Amino acid sequence: AERINDLAPIDGPAKTTFFTTGAEAVENAVK
């Protein structure tokens, strides 16, 4: 999560959470 936070093009402090499938990631982005 720390590595992705540093690498991702997000403005300001970032946080990351992990799931299993792409669809699951999109579902959770909507949530």
Full PDB file with SEQRES, HELIX, SHEET, SSBOND, CRYST1, ORIGX, SCALE, CONECT and MASTER records, all heavy atoms in Angstrom:
SEQRES   1 A   31  ALA GLU ARG ILE ASN ASP LEU ALA PRO ILE ASP GLY PRO          
SEQRES   2 A   31  ALA LYS THR THR PHE PHE THR THR GLY ALA GLU ALA VAL          
SEQRES   3 A   31  GLU ASN ALA VAL LYS                                          
HELIX    1 AA1 GLU A    2  LEU A    7  1                                   6    
HELIX    2 AA2 GLY A   22  VAL A   30  1                                   9    
CRYST1    1.000    1.000    1.000  90.00  90.00  90.00 P 1           1          
ORIGX1      1.000000  0.000000  0.000000        0.00000                         
ORIGX2      0.000000  1.000000  0.000000        0.00000                         
ORIGX3      0.000000  0.000000  1.000000        0.00000                         
SCALE1      1.000000  0.000000  0.000000        0.00000                         
SCALE2      0.000000  1.000000  0.000000        0.00000                         
SCALE3      0.000000  0.000000  1.000000        0.00000                         
ATOM      1  N   ALA A   1       0.839  -1.204   0.000  1.00  0.00           N  
ATOM      2  CA  ALA A   1       0.000   0.000   0.000  1.00  0.00           C  
ATOM      3  C   ALA A   1       0.874   1.255   0.000  1.00  0.00           C  
ATOM      4  O   ALA A   1       0.625   2.206  -0.743  1.00  0.00           O  
ATOM      5  CB  ALA A   1      -0.938  -0.002   1.204  1.00  0.00           C  
ATOM      6  N   GLU A   2       1.934   1.239   0.804  1.00  0.00           N  
ATOM      7  CA  GLU A   2       2.852   2.390   0.850  1.00  0.00           C  
ATOM      8  C   GLU A   2       3.507   2.620  -0.510  1.00  0.00           C  
ATOM      9  O   GLU A   2       3.644   3.764  -0.962  1.00  0.00           O  
ATOM     10  CB  GLU A   2       3.926   2.161   1.925  1.00  0.00           C  
ATOM     11  CG  GLU A   2       3.383   2.238   3.350  1.00  0.00           C  
ATOM     12  CD  GLU A   2       4.393   1.758   4.388  1.00  0.00           C  
ATOM     13  OE1 GLU A   2       5.342   1.016   4.032  1.00  0.00           O  
ATOM     14  OE2 GLU A   2       4.223   2.115   5.572  1.00  0.00           O  
ATOM     15  N   ARG A   3       3.906   1.531  -1.160  1.00  0.00           N  
ATOM     16  CA  ARG A   3       4.558   1.665  -2.474  1.00  0.00           C  
ATOM     17  C   ARG A   3       3.590   2.229  -3.511  1.00  0.00           C  
ATOM     18  O   ARG A   3       3.955   3.118  -4.291  1.00  0.00           O  
ATOM     19  CB  ARG A   3       5.098   0.304  -2.940  1.00  0.00           C  
ATOM     20  CG  ARG A   3       6.235  -0.225  -2.104  1.00  0.00           C  
ATOM     21  CD  ARG A   3       6.746  -1.568  -2.630  1.00  0.00           C  
ATOM     22  NE  ARG A   3       7.587  -1.412  -3.820  1.00  0.00           N  
ATOM     23  CZ  ARG A   3       8.201  -2.426  -4.429  1.00  0.00           C  
ATOM     24  NH1 ARG A   3       8.053  -3.665  -3.969  1.00  0.00           N  
ATOM     25  NH2 ARG A   3       8.948  -2.218  -5.497  1.00  0.00           N  
ATOM     26  N   ILE A   4       2.367   1.726  -3.526  1.00  0.00           N  
ATOM     27  CA  ILE A   4       1.363   2.229  -4.478  1.00  0.00           C  
ATOM     28  C   ILE A   4       1.044   3.694  -4.173  1.00  0.00           C  
ATOM     29  O   ILE A   4       0.921   4.519  -5.095  1.00  0.00           O  
ATOM     30  CB  ILE A   4       0.086   1.365  -4.439  1.00  0.00           C  
ATOM     31  CG1 ILE A   4       0.373  -0.072  -4.898  1.00  0.00           C  
ATOM     32  CG2 ILE A   4      -1.028   1.995  -5.283  1.00  0.00           C  
ATOM     33  CD1 ILE A   4       0.737  -0.231  -6.358  1.00  0.00           C  
ATOM     34  N   ASN A   5       0.917   4.033  -2.900  1.00  0.00           N  
ATOM     35  CA  ASN A   5       0.649   5.431  -2.515  1.00  0.00           C  
ATOM     36  C   ASN A   5       1.716   6.370  -3.080  1.00  0.00           C  
ATOM     37  O   ASN A   5       1.412   7.482  -3.525  1.00  0.00           O  
ATOM     38  CB  ASN A   5       0.600   5.577  -0.993  1.00  0.00           C  
ATOM     39  CG  ASN A   5      -0.581   4.866  -0.363  1.00  0.00           C  
ATOM     40  OD1 ASN A   5      -1.555   4.548  -1.042  1.00  0.00           O  
ATOM     41  ND2 ASN A   5      -0.496   4.599   0.925  1.00  0.00           N  
ATOM     42  N   ASP A   6       2.971   5.924  -3.048  1.00  0.00           N  
ATOM     43  CA  ASP A   6       4.079   6.753  -3.546  1.00  0.00           C  
ATOM     44  C   ASP A   6       4.087   6.845  -5.067  1.00  0.00           C  
ATOM     45  O   ASP A   6       4.488   7.865  -5.630  1.00  0.00           O  
ATOM     46  CB  ASP A   6       5.424   6.174  -3.069  1.00  0.00           C  
ATOM     47  CG  ASP A   6       5.650   6.375  -1.575  1.00  0.00           C  
ATOM     48  OD1 ASP A   6       4.967   7.242  -0.975  1.00  0.00           O  
ATOM     49  OD2 ASP A   6       6.483   5.647  -1.002  1.00  0.00           O  
ATOM     50  N   LEU A   7       3.641   5.775  -5.735  1.00  0.00           N  
ATOM     51  CA  LEU A   7       3.748   5.695  -7.196  1.00  0.00           C  
ATOM     52  C   LEU A   7       2.539   6.265  -7.933  1.00  0.00           C  
ATOM     53  O   LEU A   7       2.662   6.736  -9.072  1.00  0.00           O  
ATOM     54  CB  LEU A   7       3.935   4.228  -7.624  1.00  0.00           C  
ATOM     55  CG  LEU A   7       5.260   3.568  -7.207  1.00  0.00           C  
ATOM     56  CD1 LEU A   7       5.167   2.052  -7.376  1.00  0.00           C  
ATOM     57  CD2 LEU A   7       6.429   4.129  -8.009  1.00  0.00           C  
ATOM     58  N   ALA A   8       1.371   6.213  -7.320  1.00  0.00           N  
ATOM     59  CA  ALA A   8       0.132   6.581  -8.016  1.00  0.00           C  
ATOM     60  C   ALA A   8       0.018   8.096  -8.202  1.00  0.00           C  
ATOM     61  O   ALA A   8       0.394   8.861  -7.316  1.00  0.00           O  
ATOM     62  CB  ALA A   8      -1.075   6.064  -7.240  1.00  0.00           C  
ATOM     63  N   PRO A   9      -0.517   8.531  -9.338  1.00  0.00           N  
ATOM     64  CA  PRO A   9      -0.681   9.971  -9.598  1.00  0.00           C  
ATOM     65  C   PRO A   9      -1.907  10.549  -8.890  1.00  0.00           C  
ATOM     66  O   PRO A   9      -2.911  10.911  -9.520  1.00  0.00           O  
ATOM     67  CB  PRO A   9      -0.828  10.024 -11.118  1.00  0.00           C  
ATOM     68  CG  PRO A   9      -1.459   8.719 -11.481  1.00  0.00           C  
ATOM     69  CD  PRO A   9      -0.920   7.713 -10.502  1.00  0.00           C  
ATOM     70  N   ILE A  10      -1.841  10.589  -7.580  1.00  0.00           N  
ATOM     71  CA  ILE A  10      -2.928  11.127  -6.742  1.00  0.00           C  
ATOM     72  C   ILE A  10      -2.423  12.413  -6.087  1.00  0.00           C  
ATOM     73  O   ILE A  10      -1.280  12.484  -5.644  1.00  0.00           O  
ATOM     74  CB  ILE A  10      -3.335  10.103  -5.654  1.00  0.00           C  
ATOM     75  CG1 ILE A  10      -3.863   8.805  -6.296  1.00  0.00           C  
ATOM     76  CG2 ILE A  10      -4.371  10.692  -4.697  1.00  0.00           C  
ATOM     77  CD1 ILE A  10      -5.166   8.920  -7.049  1.00  0.00           C  
ATOM     78  N   ASP A  11      -3.294  13.416  -6.016  1.00  0.00           N  
ATOM     79  CA  ASP A  11      -2.923  14.709  -5.432  1.00  0.00           C  
ATOM     80  C   ASP A  11      -2.938  14.636  -3.905  1.00  0.00           C  
ATOM     81  O   ASP A  11      -3.961  14.293  -3.311  1.00  0.00           O  
ATOM     82  CB  ASP A  11      -3.912  15.780  -5.915  1.00  0.00           C  
ATOM     83  CG  ASP A  11      -3.246  17.135  -6.071  1.00  0.00           C  
ATOM     84  OD1 ASP A  11      -2.015  17.198  -5.948  1.00  0.00           O  
ATOM     85  OD2 ASP A  11      -3.966  18.127  -6.300  1.00  0.00           O  
ATOM     86  N   GLY A  12      -1.810  14.926  -3.273  1.00  0.00           N  
ATOM     87  CA  GLY A  12      -1.767  14.943  -1.813  1.00  0.00           C  
ATOM     88  C   GLY A  12      -1.606  13.551  -1.220  1.00  0.00           C  
ATOM     89  O   GLY A  12      -1.327  12.582  -1.930  1.00  0.00           O  
ATOM     90  N   PRO A  13      -1.806  13.415   0.108  1.00  0.00           N  
ATOM     91  CA  PRO A  13      -1.663  12.103   0.765  1.00  0.00           C  
ATOM     92  C   PRO A  13      -2.644  11.086   0.176  1.00  0.00           C  
ATOM     93  O   PRO A  13      -3.797  11.407  -0.110  1.00  0.00           O  
ATOM     94  CB  PRO A  13      -2.003  12.401   2.235  1.00  0.00           C  
ATOM     95  CG  PRO A  13      -1.825  13.875   2.392  1.00  0.00           C  
ATOM     96  CD  PRO A  13      -2.146  14.482   1.066  1.00  0.00           C  
ATOM     97  N   ALA A  14      -2.146   9.853  -0.022  1.00  0.00           N  
ATOM     98  CA  ALA A  14      -2.969   8.787  -0.618  1.00  0.00           C  
ATOM     99  C   ALA A  14      -3.053   7.598   0.326  1.00  0.00           C  
ATOM    100  O   ALA A  14      -2.209   7.417   1.209  1.00  0.00           O  
ATOM    101  CB  ALA A  14      -2.372   8.349  -1.955  1.00  0.00           C  
ATOM    102  N   LYS A  15      -4.098   6.797   0.143  1.00  0.00           N  
ATOM    103  CA  LYS A  15      -4.232   5.518   0.832  1.00  0.00           C  
ATOM    104  C   LYS A  15      -4.671   4.472  -0.191  1.00  0.00           C  
ATOM    105  O   LYS A  15      -5.334   4.798  -1.178  1.00  0.00           O  
ATOM    106  CB  LYS A  15      -5.248   5.601   1.978  1.00  0.00           C  
ATOM    107  CG  LYS A  15      -4.752   6.406   3.176  1.00  0.00           C  
ATOM    108  CD  LYS A  15      -5.679   6.257   4.386  1.00  0.00           C  
ATOM    109  CE  LYS A  15      -5.070   6.962   5.609  1.00  0.00           C  
ATOM    110  NZ  LYS A  15      -5.907   6.755   6.818  1.00  0.00           N  
ATOM    111  N   THR A  16      -4.317   3.208   0.073  1.00  0.00           N  
ATOM    112  CA  THR A  16      -4.626   2.107  -0.836  1.00  0.00           C  
ATOM    113  C   THR A  16      -5.229   0.951  -0.061  1.00  0.00           C  
ATOM    114  O   THR A  16      -4.807   0.657   1.066  1.00  0.00           O  
ATOM    115  CB  THR A  16      -3.350   1.619  -1.555  1.00  0.00           C  
ATOM    116  OG1 THR A  16      -2.826   2.675  -2.367  1.00  0.00           O  
ATOM    117  CG2 THR A  16      -3.632   0.412  -2.440  1.00  0.00           C  
ATOM    118  N   THR A  17      -6.203   0.296  -0.676  1.00  0.00           N  
ATOM    119  CA  THR A  17      -6.731  -0.953  -0.126  1.00  0.00           C  
ATOM    120  C   THR A  17      -6.793  -1.985  -1.244  1.00  0.00           C  
ATOM    121  O   THR A  17      -6.932  -1.632  -2.419  1.00  0.00           O  
ATOM    122  CB  THR A  17      -8.117  -0.752   0.512  1.00  0.00           C  
ATOM    123  OG1 THR A  17      -8.556  -1.988   1.085  1.00  0.00           O  
ATOM    124  CG2 THR A  17      -9.158  -0.296  -0.496  1.00  0.00           C  
ATOM    125  N   PHE A  18      -6.673  -3.266  -0.874  1.00  0.00           N  
ATOM    126  CA  PHE A  18      -6.580  -4.327  -1.878  1.00  0.00           C  
ATOM    127  C   PHE A  18      -7.790  -5.257  -1.846  1.00  0.00           C  
ATOM    128  O   PHE A  18      -8.412  -5.478  -0.806  1.00  0.00           O  
ATOM    129  CB  PHE A  18      -5.295  -5.135  -1.673  1.00  0.00           C  
ATOM    130  CG  PHE A  18      -4.057  -4.302  -1.865  1.00  0.00           C  
ATOM    131  CD1 PHE A  18      -3.280  -3.933  -0.775  1.00  0.00           C  
ATOM    132  CD2 PHE A  18      -3.693  -3.840  -3.122  1.00  0.00           C  
ATOM    133  CE1 PHE A  18      -2.150  -3.144  -0.939  1.00  0.00           C  
ATOM    134  CE2 PHE A  18      -2.570  -3.038  -3.298  1.00  0.00           C  
ATOM    135  CZ  PHE A  18      -1.803  -2.691  -2.207  1.00  0.00           C  
ATOM    136  N   PHE A  19      -8.083  -5.796  -3.045  1.00  0.00           N  
ATOM    137  CA  PHE A  19      -9.167  -6.761  -3.226  1.00  0.00           C  
ATOM    138  C   PHE A  19      -8.648  -7.903  -4.090  1.00  0.00           C  
ATOM    139  O   PHE A  19      -7.444  -8.152  -4.103  1.00  0.00           O  
ATOM    140  CB  PHE A  19     -10.390  -6.059  -3.838  1.00  0.00           C  
ATOM    141  CG  PHE A  19     -10.868  -4.900  -3.003  1.00  0.00           C  
ATOM    142  CD1 PHE A  19     -10.514  -3.581  -3.324  1.00  0.00           C  
ATOM    143  CD2 PHE A  19     -11.622  -5.111  -1.862  1.00  0.00           C  
ATOM    144  CE1 PHE A  19     -10.916  -2.521  -2.533  1.00  0.00           C  
ATOM    145  CE2 PHE A  19     -12.031  -4.052  -1.053  1.00  0.00           C  
ATOM    146  CZ  PHE A  19     -11.674  -2.750  -1.392  1.00  0.00           C  
ATOM    147  N   THR A  20      -9.533  -8.582  -4.802  1.00  0.00           N  
ATOM    148  CA  THR A  20      -9.111  -9.774  -5.535  1.00  0.00           C  
ATOM    149  C   THR A  20      -9.263  -9.611  -7.047  1.00  0.00           C  
ATOM    150  O   THR A  20      -8.364  -9.966  -7.799  1.00  0.00           O  
ATOM    151  CB  THR A  20      -9.899 -11.009  -5.045  1.00  0.00           C  
ATOM    152  OG1 THR A  20      -9.795 -11.076  -3.623  1.00  0.00           O  
ATOM    153  CG2 THR A  20      -9.351 -12.287  -5.644  1.00  0.00           C  
ATOM    154  N   THR A  21     -10.390  -9.068  -7.505  1.00  0.00           N  
ATOM    155  CA  THR A  21     -10.640  -8.951  -8.946  1.00  0.00           C  
ATOM    156  C   THR A  21     -10.812  -7.485  -9.344  1.00  0.00           C  
ATOM    157  O   THR A  21     -11.112  -6.629  -8.503  1.00  0.00           O  
ATOM    158  CB  THR A  21     -11.912  -9.709  -9.358  1.00  0.00           C  
ATOM    159  OG1 THR A  21     -13.056  -9.026  -8.801  1.00  0.00           O  
ATOM    160  CG2 THR A  21     -11.896 -11.149  -8.863  1.00  0.00           C  
ATOM    161  N   GLY A  22     -10.679  -7.230 -10.640  1.00  0.00           N  
ATOM    162  CA  GLY A  22     -10.875  -5.876 -11.146  1.00  0.00           C  
ATOM    163  C   GLY A  22     -12.273  -5.359 -10.885  1.00  0.00           C  
ATOM    164  O   GLY A  22     -12.462  -4.199 -10.487  1.00  0.00           O  
ATOM    165  N   ALA A  23     -13.259  -6.200 -11.114  1.00  0.00           N  
ATOM    166  CA  ALA A  23     -14.648  -5.791 -10.862  1.00  0.00           C  
ATOM    167  C   ALA A  23     -14.846  -5.412  -9.401  1.00  0.00           C  
ATOM    168  O   ALA A  23     -15.527  -4.439  -9.074  1.00  0.00           O  
ATOM    169  CB  ALA A  23     -15.609  -6.923 -11.249  1.00  0.00           C  
ATOM    170  N   GLU A  24     -14.219  -6.172  -8.506  1.00  0.00           N  
ATOM    171  CA  GLU A  24     -14.321  -5.894  -7.069  1.00  0.00           C  
ATOM    172  C   GLU A  24     -13.713  -4.530  -6.737  1.00  0.00           C  
ATOM    173  O   GLU A  24     -14.239  -3.776  -5.911  1.00  0.00           O  
ATOM    174  CB  GLU A  24     -13.579  -6.994  -6.309  1.00  0.00           C  
ATOM    175  CG  GLU A  24     -14.148  -7.318  -4.959  1.00  0.00           C  
ATOM    176  CD  GLU A  24     -13.355  -8.418  -4.260  1.00  0.00           C  
ATOM    177  OE1 GLU A  24     -12.592  -9.144  -4.923  1.00  0.00           O  
ATOM    178  OE2 GLU A  24     -13.500  -8.522  -3.036  1.00  0.00           O  
ATOM    179  N   ALA A  25     -12.597  -4.209  -7.402  1.00  0.00           N  
ATOM    180  CA  ALA A  25     -11.974  -2.898  -7.183  1.00  0.00           C  
ATOM    181  C   ALA A  25     -12.910  -1.776  -7.615  1.00  0.00           C  
ATOM    182  O   ALA A  25     -13.086  -0.779  -6.900  1.00  0.00           O  
ATOM    183  CB  ALA A  25     -10.653  -2.814  -7.950  1.00  0.00           C  
ATOM    184  N   VAL A  26     -13.549  -1.941  -8.779  1.00  0.00           N  
ATOM    185  CA  VAL A  26     -14.458  -0.902  -9.277  1.00  0.00           C  
ATOM    186  C   VAL A  26     -15.683  -0.790  -8.371  1.00  0.00           C  
ATOM    187  O   VAL A  26     -16.131   0.315  -8.038  1.00  0.00           O  
ATOM    188  CB  VAL A  26     -14.863  -1.178 -10.742  1.00  0.00           C  
ATOM    189  CG1 VAL A  26     -15.865  -0.139 -11.225  1.00  0.00           C  
ATOM    190  CG2 VAL A  26     -13.630  -1.178 -11.648  1.00  0.00           C  
ATOM    191  N   GLU A  27     -16.238  -1.920  -7.958  1.00  0.00           N  
ATOM    192  CA  GLU A  27     -17.372  -1.912  -7.009  1.00  0.00           C  
ATOM    193  C   GLU A  27     -17.022  -1.092  -5.760  1.00  0.00           C  
ATOM    194  O   GLU A  27     -17.816  -0.276  -5.293  1.00  0.00           O  
ATOM    195  CB  GLU A  27     -17.701  -3.341  -6.564  1.00  0.00           C  
ATOM    196  CG  GLU A  27     -18.330  -4.223  -7.608  1.00  0.00           C  
ATOM    197  CD  GLU A  27     -19.849  -4.258  -7.514  1.00  0.00           C  
ATOM    198  OE1 GLU A  27     -20.419  -3.691  -6.560  1.00  0.00           O  
ATOM    199  OE2 GLU A  27     -20.460  -4.850  -8.420  1.00  0.00           O  
ATOM    200  N   ASN A  28     -15.835  -1.335  -5.239  1.00  0.00           N  
ATOM    201  CA  ASN A  28     -15.440  -0.654  -4.008  1.00  0.00           C  
ATOM    202  C   ASN A  28     -15.116   0.810  -4.232  1.00  0.00           C  
ATOM    203  O   ASN A  28     -15.332   1.638  -3.346  1.00  0.00           O  
ATOM    204  CB  ASN A  28     -14.281  -1.399  -3.343  1.00  0.00           C  
ATOM    205  CG  ASN A  28     -14.765  -2.603  -2.558  1.00  0.00           C  
ATOM    206  OD1 ASN A  28     -15.211  -2.479  -1.425  1.00  0.00           O  
ATOM    207  ND2 ASN A  28     -14.727  -3.776  -3.179  1.00  0.00           N  
ATOM    208  N   ALA A  29     -14.633   1.156  -5.419  1.00  0.00           N  
ATOM    209  CA  ALA A  29     -14.442   2.572  -5.748  1.00  0.00           C  
ATOM    210  C   ALA A  29     -15.784   3.297  -5.732  1.00  0.00           C  
ATOM    211  O   ALA A  29     -15.891   4.437  -5.247  1.00  0.00           O  
ATOM    212  CB  ALA A  29     -13.760   2.712  -7.106  1.00  0.00           C  
ATOM    213  N   VAL A  30     -16.832   2.637  -6.237  1.00  0.00           N  
ATOM    214  CA  VAL A  30     -18.181   3.212  -6.207  1.00  0.00           C  
ATOM    215  C   VAL A  30     -18.651   3.365  -4.760  1.00  0.00           C  
ATOM    216  O   VAL A  30     -19.204   4.406  -4.376  1.00  0.00           O  
ATOM    217  CB  VAL A  30     -19.168   2.350  -7.023  1.00  0.00           C  
ATOM    218  CG1 VAL A  30     -20.612   2.789  -6.788  1.00  0.00           C  
ATOM    219  CG2 VAL A  30     -18.825   2.418  -8.512  1.00  0.00           C  
ATOM    220  N   LYS A  31     -18.426   2.345  -3.933  1.00  0.00           N  
ATOM    221  CA  LYS A  31     -18.807   2.426  -2.516  1.00  0.00           C  
ATOM    222  C   LYS A  31     -18.111   3.604  -1.832  1.00  0.00           C  
ATOM    223  O   LYS A  31     -18.733   4.376  -1.094  1.00  0.00           O  
ATOM    224  CB  LYS A  31     -18.445   1.112  -1.806  1.00  0.00           C  
ATOM    225  CG  LYS A  31     -19.390  -0.038  -2.108  1.00  0.00           C  
ATOM    226  CD  LYS A  31     -18.798  -1.394  -1.748  1.00  0.00           C  
ATOM    227  CE  LYS A  31     -18.511  -1.566  -0.275  1.00  0.00           C  
ATOM    228  NZ  LYS A  31     -18.059  -2.953   0.031  1.00  0.00           N  
TER     229      LYS A  31                                                      
MASTER        0    0    0    2    0    0    0    6  228    1    0    3          
END                                                                             
